[in-house]
Amino acid sequence: MMKDGWSARKVARQLGRSDCVVRRCWDHWSREMLFTRRPGSVCPRQTSDRDDLRIVRNARVQPTASLAALQTQVAPSLGAPMSSRTIRRHLSEEH
């Protein structure tokens, strides 16, 4: 409604809310839209889907293993060093 040029007062009357609530919601929405990521602004993934599955499989086989232990098991098969933070992120994406 506000995108269409309606005033906050008119929107508030239409919704049965106060002007302050409508303005606060509009400001919050405007701020959030400014900070959303644009396509292509994220670093490209360094692991393939197969690598991700290998990480998850190792974690499921040994559910009590630490991230450091998973890191030492997975790193040789990936052919590149991988941080424990990356492993944690991949595991959280799978759940």
PDB file of N, CA and C in Angstrom:
ATOM      1  N   MET A   1       0.817  -1.187   0.000  1.00  0.00           N
ATOM      2  CA  MET A   1       0.000   0.000   0.000  1.00  0.00           C
ATOM      3  C   MET A   1       0.864   1.255   0.000  1.00  0.00           C
ATOM      4  N   MET A   2       1.908   1.227   0.829  1.00  0.00           N
ATOM      5  CA  MET A   2       2.765   2.409   0.875  1.00  0.00           C
ATOM      6  C   MET A   2       3.585   2.510  -0.404  1.00  0.00           C
ATOM      7  N   LYS A   3       3.875   1.369  -1.023  1.00  0.00           N
ATOM      8  CA  LYS A   3       4.566   1.411  -2.312  1.00  0.00           C
ATOM      9  C   LYS A   3       3.703   2.087  -3.362  1.00  0.00           C
ATOM     10  N   ASP A   4       2.399   1.954  -3.212  1.00  0.00           N
ATOM     11  CA  ASP A   4       1.464   2.552  -4.164  1.00  0.00           C
ATOM     12  C   ASP A   4       1.234   4.032  -3.906  1.00  0.00           C
ATOM     13  N   GLY A   5       1.924   4.587  -2.910  1.00  0.00           N
ATOM     14  CA  GLY A   5       1.808   6.009  -2.644  1.00  0.00           C
ATOM     15  C   GLY A   5       0.854   6.375  -1.520  1.00  0.00           C
ATOM     16  N   TRP A   6       0.300   5.407  -0.831  1.00  0.00           N
ATOM     17  CA  TRP A   6      -0.589   5.713   0.283  1.00  0.00           C
ATOM     18  C   TRP A   6       0.222   6.281   1.438  1.00  0.00           C
ATOM     19  N   SER A   7      -0.363   7.155   2.194  1.00  0.00           N
ATOM     20  CA  SER A   7       0.303   7.679   3.386  1.00  0.00           C
ATOM     21  C   SER A   7       0.199   6.655   4.509  1.00  0.00           C
ATOM     22  N   ALA A   8       1.068   6.810   5.501  1.00  0.00           N
ATOM     23  CA  ALA A   8       1.029   5.904   6.653  1.00  0.00           C
ATOM     24  C   ALA A   8      -0.308   6.017   7.375  1.00  0.00           C
ATOM     25  N   ARG A   9      -0.852   7.217   7.418  1.00  0.00           N
ATOM     26  CA  ARG A   9      -2.140   7.421   8.091  1.00  0.00           C
ATOM     27  C   ARG A   9      -3.256   6.656   7.373  1.00  0.00           C
ATOM     28  N   LYS A  10      -3.247   6.710   6.041  1.00  0.00           N
ATOM     29  CA  LYS A  10      -4.285   6.024   5.271  1.00  0.00           C
ATOM     30  C   LYS A  10      -4.165   4.502   5.422  1.00  0.00           C
ATOM     31  N   VAL A  11      -2.930   4.004   5.395  1.00  0.00           N
ATOM     32  CA  VAL A  11      -2.705   2.571   5.579  1.00  0.00           C
ATOM     33  C   VAL A  11      -3.146   2.148   6.975  1.00  0.00           C
ATOM     34  N   ALA A  12      -2.824   2.974   7.971  1.00  0.00           N
ATOM     35  CA  ALA A  12      -3.201   2.658   9.351  1.00  0.00           C
ATOM     36  C   ALA A  12      -4.715   2.568   9.495  1.00  0.00           C
ATOM     37  N   ARG A  13      -5.424   3.502   8.906  1.00  0.00           N
ATOM     38  CA  ARG A  13      -6.891   3.461   8.972  1.00  0.00           C
ATOM     39  C   ARG A  13      -7.437   2.214   8.280  1.00  0.00           C
ATOM     40  N   GLN A  14      -6.864   1.893   7.135  1.00  0.00           N
ATOM     41  CA  GLN A  14      -7.325   0.728   6.376  1.00  0.00           C
ATOM     42  C   GLN A  14      -7.117  -0.569   7.166  1.00  0.00           C
ATOM     43  N   LEU A  15      -5.987  -0.656   7.892  1.00  0.00           N
ATOM     44  CA  LEU A  15      -5.661  -1.874   8.630  1.00  0.00           C
ATOM     45  C   LEU A  15      -6.174  -1.868  10.068  1.00  0.00           C
ATOM     46  N   GLY A  16      -6.639  -0.717  10.521  1.00  0.00           N
ATOM     47  CA  GLY A  16      -7.105  -0.625  11.902  1.00  0.00           C
ATOM     48  C   GLY A  16      -5.965  -0.596  12.899  1.00  0.00           C
ATOM     49  N   ARG A  17      -4.849  -0.019  12.523  1.00  0.00           N
ATOM     50  CA  ARG A  17      -3.666   0.087  13.390  1.00  0.00           C
ATOM     51  C   ARG A  17      -3.299   1.548  13.549  1.00  0.00           C
ATOM     52  N   SER A  18      -2.365   1.802  14.474  1.00  0.00           N
ATOM     53  CA  SER A  18      -1.943   3.186  14.680  1.00  0.00           C
ATOM     54  C   SER A  18      -0.922   3.597  13.625  1.00  0.00           C
ATOM     55  N   ASP A  19      -0.794   4.913  13.445  1.00  0.00           N
ATOM     56  CA  ASP A  19       0.178   5.443  12.481  1.00  0.00           C
ATOM     57  C   ASP A  19       1.594   5.012  12.843  1.00  0.00           C
ATOM     58  N   CYS A  20       1.892   5.038  14.152  1.00  0.00           N
ATOM     59  CA  CYS A  20       3.250   4.699  14.605  1.00  0.00           C
ATOM     60  C   CYS A  20       3.617   3.262  14.244  1.00  0.00           C
ATOM     61  N   VAL A  21       2.679   2.349  14.419  1.00  0.00           N
ATOM     62  CA  VAL A  21       2.947   0.945  14.099  1.00  0.00           C
ATOM     63  C   VAL A  21       3.221   0.790  12.610  1.00  0.00           C
ATOM     64  N   VAL A  22       2.431   1.433  11.795  1.00  0.00           N
ATOM     65  CA  VAL A  22       2.614   1.326  10.343  1.00  0.00           C
ATOM     66  C   VAL A  22       3.954   1.928   9.936  1.00  0.00           C
ATOM     67  N   ARG A  23       4.296   3.079  10.479  1.00  0.00           N
ATOM     68  CA  ARG A  23       5.588   3.706  10.142  1.00  0.00           C
ATOM     69  C   ARG A  23       6.756   2.835  10.587  1.00  0.00           C
ATOM     70  N   ARG A  24       6.654   2.286  11.815  1.00  0.00           N
ATOM     71  CA  ARG A  24       7.736   1.450  12.334  1.00  0.00           C
ATOM     72  C   ARG A  24       7.907   0.201  11.468  1.00  0.00           C
ATOM     73  N   CYS A  25       6.808  -0.428  11.094  1.00  0.00           N
ATOM     74  CA  CYS A  25       6.886  -1.610  10.223  1.00  0.00           C
ATOM     75  C   CYS A  25       7.465  -1.253   8.859  1.00  0.00           C
ATOM     76  N   TRP A  26       7.051  -0.126   8.320  1.00  0.00           N
ATOM     77  CA  TRP A  26       7.558   0.314   7.016  1.00  0.00           C
ATOM     78  C   TRP A  26       9.053   0.613   7.090  1.00  0.00           C
ATOM     79  N   ASP A  27       9.480   1.299   8.146  1.00  0.00           N
ATOM     80  CA  ASP A  27      10.906   1.597   8.308  1.00  0.00           C
ATOM     81  C   ASP A  27      11.721   0.315   8.446  1.00  0.00           C
ATOM     82  N   HIS A  28      11.203  -0.616   9.246  1.00  0.00           N
ATOM     83  CA  HIS A  28      11.909  -1.886   9.429  1.00  0.00           C
ATOM     84  C   HIS A  28      12.017  -2.625   8.093  1.00  0.00           C
ATOM     85  N   TRP A  29      10.939  -2.689   7.345  1.00  0.00           N
ATOM     86  CA  TRP A  29      10.960  -3.365   6.055  1.00  0.00           C
ATOM     87  C   TRP A  29      11.937  -2.672   5.098  1.00  0.00           C
ATOM     88  N   SER A  30      11.924  -1.343   5.101  1.00  0.00           N
ATOM     89  CA  SER A  30      12.823  -0.596   4.208  1.00  0.00           C
ATOM     90  C   SER A  30      14.282  -0.868   4.551  1.00  0.00           C
ATOM     91  N   ARG A  31      14.593  -0.898   5.846  1.00  0.00           N
ATOM     92  CA  ARG A  31      15.966  -1.169   6.275  1.00  0.00           C
ATOM     93  C   ARG A  31      16.388  -2.577   5.893  1.00  0.00           C
ATOM     94  N   GLU A  32      15.529  -3.548   6.133  1.00  0.00           N
ATOM     95  CA  GLU A  32      15.869  -4.939   5.832  1.00  0.00           C
ATOM     96  C   GLU A  32      16.087  -5.143   4.339  1.00  0.00           C
ATOM     97  N   MET A  33      15.319  -4.483   3.534  1.00  0.00           N
ATOM     98  CA  MET A  33      15.464  -4.649   2.090  1.00  0.00           C
ATOM     99  C   MET A  33      16.787  -4.072   1.601  1.00  0.00           C
ATOM    100  N   LEU A  34      17.307  -3.079   2.279  1.00  0.00           N
ATOM    101  CA  LEU A  34      18.572  -2.492   1.868  1.00  0.00           C
ATOM    102  C   LEU A  34      19.746  -3.413   2.162  1.00  0.00           C
ATOM    103  N   PHE A  35      19.596  -4.287   3.184  1.00  0.00           N
ATOM    104  CA  PHE A  35      20.717  -5.111   3.593  1.00  0.00           C
ATOM    105  C   PHE A  35      20.634  -6.545   3.098  1.00  0.00           C
ATOM    106  N   THR A  36      19.706  -6.832   2.206  1.00  0.00           N
ATOM    107  CA  THR A  36      19.647  -8.186   1.667  1.00  0.00           C
ATOM    108  C   THR A  36      20.789  -8.368   0.679  1.00  0.00           C
ATOM    109  N   ARG A  37      21.256  -9.588   0.577  1.00  0.00           N
ATOM    110  CA  ARG A  37      22.367  -9.872  -0.332  1.00  0.00           C
ATOM    111  C   ARG A  37      21.888  -9.886  -1.775  1.00  0.00           C
ATOM    112  N   ARG A  38      22.710  -9.374  -2.619  1.00  0.00           N
ATOM    113  CA  ARG A  38      22.402  -9.395  -4.044  1.00  0.00           C
ATOM    114  C   ARG A  38      22.947 -10.688  -4.648  1.00  0.00           C
ATOM    115  N   PRO A  39      22.341 -11.169  -5.718  1.00  0.00           N
ATOM    116  CA  PRO A  39      22.849 -12.389  -6.351  1.00  0.00           C
ATOM    117  C   PRO A  39      24.302 -12.210  -6.774  1.00  0.00           C
ATOM    118  N   GLY A  40      25.105 -13.197  -6.486  1.00  0.00           N
ATOM    119  CA  GLY A  40      26.512 -13.146  -6.851  1.00  0.00           C
ATOM    120  C   GLY A  40      27.399 -12.493  -5.814  1.00  0.00           C
ATOM    121  N   SER A  41      26.834 -12.021  -4.697  1.00  0.00           N
ATOM    122  CA  SER A  41      27.653 -11.361  -3.687  1.00  0.00           C
ATOM    123  C   SER A  41      28.248 -12.353  -2.695  1.00  0.00           C
ATOM    124  N   VAL A  42      27.848 -13.607  -2.778  1.00  0.00           N
ATOM    125  CA  VAL A  42      28.338 -14.632  -1.872  1.00  0.00           C
ATOM    126  C   VAL A  42      29.523 -15.335  -2.523  1.00  0.00           C
ATOM    127  N   CYS A  43      30.507 -15.717  -1.722  1.00  0.00           N
ATOM    128  CA  CYS A  43      31.655 -16.443  -2.254  1.00  0.00           C
ATOM    129  C   CYS A  43      31.198 -17.778  -2.830  1.00  0.00           C
ATOM    130  N   PRO A  44      31.790 -18.202  -3.922  1.00  0.00           N
ATOM    131  CA  PRO A  44      31.406 -19.491  -4.492  1.00  0.00           C
ATOM    132  C   PRO A  44      31.813 -20.640  -3.573  1.00  0.00           C
ATOM    133  N   ARG A  45      31.052 -21.716  -3.599  1.00  0.00           N
ATOM    134  CA  ARG A  45      31.335 -22.875  -2.749  1.00  0.00           C
ATOM    135  C   ARG A  45      32.615 -23.556  -3.220  1.00  0.00           C
ATOM    136  N   GLN A  46      33.398 -24.015  -2.261  1.00  0.00           N
ATOM    137  CA  GLN A  46      34.647 -24.693  -2.577  1.00  0.00           C
ATOM    138  C   GLN A  46      34.485 -26.211  -2.608  1.00  0.00           C
ATOM    139  N   THR A  47      33.339 -26.695  -2.134  1.00  0.00           N
ATOM    140  CA  THR A  47      33.105 -28.138  -2.124  1.00  0.00           C
ATOM    141  C   THR A  47      31.937 -28.476  -3.042  1.00  0.00           C
ATOM    142  N   SER A  48      32.009 -29.672  -3.596  1.00  0.00           N
ATOM    143  CA  SER A  48      30.923 -30.132  -4.468  1.00  0.00           C
ATOM    144  C   SER A  48      29.846 -30.810  -3.622  1.00  0.00           C
ATOM    145  N   ASP A  49      28.749 -31.163  -4.246  1.00  0.00           N
ATOM    146  CA  ASP A  49      27.687 -31.885  -3.541  1.00  0.00           C
ATOM    147  C   ASP A  49      28.196 -33.234  -3.041  1.00  0.00           C
ATOM    148  N   ARG A  50      29.039 -33.861  -3.824  1.00  0.00           N
ATOM    149  CA  ARG A  50      29.609 -35.155  -3.418  1.00  0.00           C
ATOM    150  C   ARG A  50      30.481 -34.993  -2.175  1.00  0.00           C
ATOM    151  N   ASP A  51      31.281 -33.926  -2.134  1.00  0.00           N
ATOM    152  CA  ASP A  51      32.100 -33.663  -0.947  1.00  0.00           C
ATOM    153  C   ASP A  51      31.222 -33.420   0.280  1.00  0.00           C
ATOM    154  N   ASP A  52      30.144 -32.678   0.091  1.00  0.00           N
ATOM    155  CA  ASP A  52      29.225 -32.415   1.202  1.00  0.00           C
ATOM    156  C   ASP A  52      28.623 -33.711   1.723  1.00  0.00           C
ATOM    157  N   LEU A  53      28.232 -34.598   0.813  1.00  0.00           N
ATOM    158  CA  LEU A  53      27.674 -35.883   1.230  1.00  0.00           C
ATOM    159  C   LEU A  53      28.696 -36.718   1.985  1.00  0.00           C
ATOM    160  N   ARG A  54      29.954 -36.639   1.564  1.00  0.00           N
ATOM    161  CA  ARG A  54      31.019 -37.377   2.248  1.00  0.00           C
ATOM    162  C   ARG A  54      31.181 -36.869   3.682  1.00  0.00           C
ATOM    163  N   ILE A  55      31.106 -35.569   3.863  1.00  0.00           N
ATOM    164  CA  ILE A  55      31.217 -34.986   5.204  1.00  0.00           C
ATOM    165  C   ILE A  55      30.065 -35.469   6.084  1.00  0.00           C
ATOM    166  N   VAL A  56      28.865 -35.401   5.558  1.00  0.00           N
ATOM    167  CA  VAL A  56      27.681 -35.808   6.326  1.00  0.00           C
ATOM    168  C   VAL A  56      27.727 -37.304   6.626  1.00  0.00           C
ATOM    169  N   ARG A  57      28.153 -38.102   5.654  1.00  0.00           N
ATOM    170  CA  ARG A  57      28.236 -39.548   5.863  1.00  0.00           C
ATOM    171  C   ARG A  57      29.209 -39.874   6.992  1.00  0.00           C
ATOM    172  N   ASN A  58      30.375 -39.234   6.996  1.00  0.00           N
ATOM    173  CA  ASN A  58      31.342 -39.474   8.067  1.00  0.00           C
ATOM    174  C   ASN A  58      30.785 -39.062   9.421  1.00  0.00           C
ATOM    175  N   ALA A  59      30.038 -37.980   9.457  1.00  0.00           N
ATOM    176  CA  ALA A  59      29.461 -37.525  10.722  1.00  0.00           C
ATOM    177  C   ALA A  59      28.385 -38.489  11.214  1.00  0.00           C
ATOM    178  N   ARG A  60      27.636 -39.077  10.296  1.00  0.00           N
ATOM    179  CA  ARG A  60      26.586 -40.024  10.706  1.00  0.00           C
ATOM    180  C   ARG A  60      27.164 -41.361  11.151  1.00  0.00           C
ATOM    181  N   VAL A  61      28.273 -41.768  10.537  1.00  0.00           N
ATOM    182  CA  VAL A  61      28.907 -43.024  10.931  1.00  0.00           C
ATOM    183  C   VAL A  61      29.493 -42.897  12.332  1.00  0.00           C
ATOM    184  N   GLN A  62      30.063 -41.734  12.629  1.00  0.00           N
ATOM    185  CA  GLN A  62      30.656 -41.486  13.949  1.00  0.00           C
ATOM    186  C   GLN A  62      29.990 -40.258  14.570  1.00  0.00           C
ATOM    187  N   PRO A  63      28.809 -40.413  15.143  1.00  0.00           N
ATOM    188  CA  PRO A  63      28.067 -39.254  15.650  1.00  0.00           C
ATOM    189  C   PRO A  63      28.717 -38.549  16.836  1.00  0.00           C
ATOM    190  N   THR A  64      29.624 -39.228  17.539  1.00  0.00           N
ATOM    191  CA  THR A  64      30.261 -38.591  18.699  1.00  0.00           C
ATOM    192  C   THR A  64      31.624 -37.994  18.361  1.00  0.00           C
ATOM    193  N   ALA A  65      32.047 -38.086  17.113  1.00  0.00           N
ATOM    194  CA  ALA A  65      33.353 -37.554  16.712  1.00  0.00           C
ATOM    195  C   ALA A  65      33.341 -36.030  16.750  1.00  0.00           C
ATOM    196  N   SER A  66      34.462 -35.458  17.127  1.00  0.00           N
ATOM    197  CA  SER A  66      34.577 -33.998  17.163  1.00  0.00           C
ATOM    198  C   SER A  66      34.752 -33.459  15.753  1.00  0.00           C
ATOM    199  N   LEU A  67      34.609 -32.152  15.622  1.00  0.00           N
ATOM    200  CA  LEU A  67      34.811 -31.531  14.307  1.00  0.00           C
ATOM    201  C   LEU A  67      36.252 -31.705  13.841  1.00  0.00           C
ATOM    202  N   ALA A  68      37.192 -31.637  14.784  1.00  0.00           N
ATOM    203  CA  ALA A  68      38.600 -31.815  14.424  1.00  0.00           C
ATOM    204  C   ALA A  68      38.845 -33.227  13.893  1.00  0.00           C
ATOM    205  N   ALA A  69      38.208 -34.226  14.514  1.00  0.00           N
ATOM    206  CA  ALA A  69      38.363 -35.601  14.037  1.00  0.00           C
ATOM    207  C   ALA A  69      37.757 -35.759  12.645  1.00  0.00           C
ATOM    208  N   LEU A  70      36.582 -35.181  12.441  1.00  0.00           N
ATOM    209  CA  LEU A  70      35.975 -35.224  11.104  1.00  0.00           C
ATOM    210  C   LEU A  70      36.854 -34.516  10.085  1.00  0.00           C
ATOM    211  N   GLN A  71      37.461 -33.431  10.518  1.00  0.00           N
ATOM    212  CA  GLN A  71      38.331 -32.657   9.628  1.00  0.00           C
ATOM    213  C   GLN A  71      39.508 -33.510   9.161  1.00  0.00           C
ATOM    214  N   THR A  72      40.136 -34.243  10.071  1.00  0.00           N
ATOM    215  CA  THR A  72      41.286 -35.066   9.684  1.00  0.00           C
ATOM    216  C   THR A  72      40.864 -36.248   8.816  1.00  0.00           C
ATOM    217  N   GLN A  73      39.648 -36.740   9.000  1.00  0.00           N
ATOM    218  CA  GLN A  73      39.181 -37.859   8.184  1.00  0.00           C
ATOM    219  C   GLN A  73      38.803 -37.419   6.773  1.00  0.00           C
ATOM    220  N   VAL A  74      38.216 -36.259   6.653  1.00  0.00           N
ATOM    221  CA  VAL A  74      37.663 -35.815   5.378  1.00  0.00           C
ATOM    222  C   VAL A  74      38.699 -35.113   4.506  1.00  0.00           C
ATOM    223  N   ALA A  75      39.634 -34.406   5.103  1.00  0.00           N
ATOM    224  CA  ALA A  75      40.584 -33.583   4.347  1.00  0.00           C
ATOM    225  C   ALA A  75      41.370 -34.367   3.294  1.00  0.00           C
ATOM    226  N   PRO A  76      41.910 -35.552   3.592  1.00  0.00           N
ATOM    227  CA  PRO A  76      42.670 -36.259   2.545  1.00  0.00           C
ATOM    228  C   PRO A  76      41.823 -36.628   1.325  1.00  0.00           C
ATOM    229  N   SER A  77      40.575 -36.988   1.544  1.00  0.00           N
ATOM    230  CA  SER A  77      39.738 -37.379   0.410  1.00  0.00           C
ATOM    231  C   SER A  77      39.297 -36.177  -0.419  1.00  0.00           C
ATOM    232  N   LEU A  78      39.283 -34.989   0.189  1.00  0.00           N
ATOM    233  CA  LEU A  78      38.892 -33.787  -0.552  1.00  0.00           C
ATOM    234  C   LEU A  78      40.043 -33.213  -1.354  1.00  0.00           C
ATOM    235  N   GLY A  79      41.261 -33.500  -0.925  1.00  0.00           N
ATOM    236  CA  GLY A  79      42.416 -32.991  -1.637  1.00  0.00           C
ATOM    237  C   GLY A  79      42.750 -31.549  -1.316  1.00  0.00           C
ATOM    238  N   ALA A  80      42.090 -30.978  -0.328  1.00  0.00           N
ATOM    239  CA  ALA A  80      42.356 -29.599   0.068  1.00  0.00           C
ATOM    240  C   ALA A  80      42.043 -29.458   1.554  1.00  0.00           C
ATOM    241  N   PRO A  81      42.734 -28.556   2.231  1.00  0.00           N
ATOM    242  CA  PRO A  81      42.433 -28.365   3.650  1.00  0.00           C
ATOM    243  C   PRO A  81      41.042 -27.768   3.832  1.00  0.00           C
ATOM    244  N   MET A  82      40.380 -28.169   4.901  1.00  0.00           N
ATOM    245  CA  MET A  82      39.045 -27.668   5.183  1.00  0.00           C
ATOM    246  C   MET A  82      38.964 -27.355   6.670  1.00  0.00           C
ATOM    247  N   SER A  83      38.442 -26.199   6.995  1.00  0.00           N
ATOM    248  CA  SER A  83      38.354 -25.804   8.396  1.00  0.00           C
ATOM    249  C   SER A  83      37.197 -26.513   9.088  1.00  0.00           C
ATOM    250  N   SER A  84      37.280 -26.568  10.409  1.00  0.00           N
ATOM    251  CA  SER A  84      36.192 -27.183  11.175  1.00  0.00           C
ATOM    252  C   SER A  84      34.926 -26.341  11.070  1.00  0.00           C
ATOM    253  N   ARG A  85      35.079 -25.047  10.869  1.00  0.00           N
ATOM    254  CA  ARG A  85      33.910 -24.176  10.688  1.00  0.00           C
ATOM    255  C   ARG A  85      33.153 -24.542   9.408  1.00  0.00           C
ATOM    256  N   THR A  86      33.886 -24.847   8.354  1.00  0.00           N
ATOM    257  CA  THR A  86      33.248 -25.256   7.105  1.00  0.00           C
ATOM    258  C   THR A  86      32.489 -26.562   7.302  1.00  0.00           C
ATOM    259  N   ILE A  87      33.087 -27.486   8.022  1.00  0.00           N
ATOM    260  CA  ILE A  87      32.420 -28.759   8.291  1.00  0.00           C
ATOM    261  C   ILE A  87      31.162 -28.523   9.112  1.00  0.00           C
ATOM    262  N   ARG A  88      31.251 -27.672  10.122  1.00  0.00           N
ATOM    263  CA  ARG A  88      30.081 -27.360  10.947  1.00  0.00           C
ATOM    264  C   ARG A  88      28.972 -26.750  10.093  1.00  0.00           C
ATOM    265  N   ARG A  89      29.341 -25.854   9.184  1.00  0.00           N
ATOM    266  CA  ARG A  89      28.351 -25.218   8.316  1.00  0.00           C
ATOM    267  C   ARG A  89      27.677 -26.248   7.402  1.00  0.00           C
ATOM    268  N   HIS A  90      28.458 -27.166   6.846  1.00  0.00           N
ATOM    269  CA  HIS A  90      27.886 -28.194   5.975  1.00  0.00           C
ATOM    270  C   HIS A  90      26.949 -29.110   6.751  1.00  0.00           C
ATOM    271  N   LEU A  91      27.312 -29.432   7.977  1.00  0.00           N
ATOM    272  CA  LEU A  91      26.446 -30.291   8.790  1.00  0.00           C
ATOM    273  C   LEU A  91      25.156 -29.576   9.162  1.00  0.00           C
ATOM    274  N   SER A  92      25.239 -28.291   9.440  1.00  0.00           N
ATOM    275  CA  SER A  92      24.021 -27.558   9.805  1.00  0.00           C
ATOM    276  C   SER A  92      23.108 -27.373   8.594  1.00  0.00           C
ATOM    277  N   GLU A  93      23.662 -27.306   7.404  1.00  0.00           N
ATOM    278  CA  GLU A  93      22.846 -27.190   6.195  1.00  0.00           C
ATOM    279  C   GLU A  93      22.080 -28.477   5.927  1.00  0.00           C
ATOM    280  N   GLU A  94      22.636 -29.594   6.327  1.00  0.00           N
ATOM    281  CA  GLU A  94      22.008 -30.883   6.053  1.00  0.00           C
ATOM    282  C   GLU A  94      20.863 -31.187   7.003  1.00  0.00           C
ATOM    283  N   HIS A  95      20.821 -30.522   8.161  1.00  0.00           N
ATOM    284  CA  HIS A  95      19.763 -30.845   9.142  1.00  0.00           C
ATOM    285  C   HIS A  95      18.628 -29.944   9.006  1.00  0.00           C
TER     286      HIS A  95
END
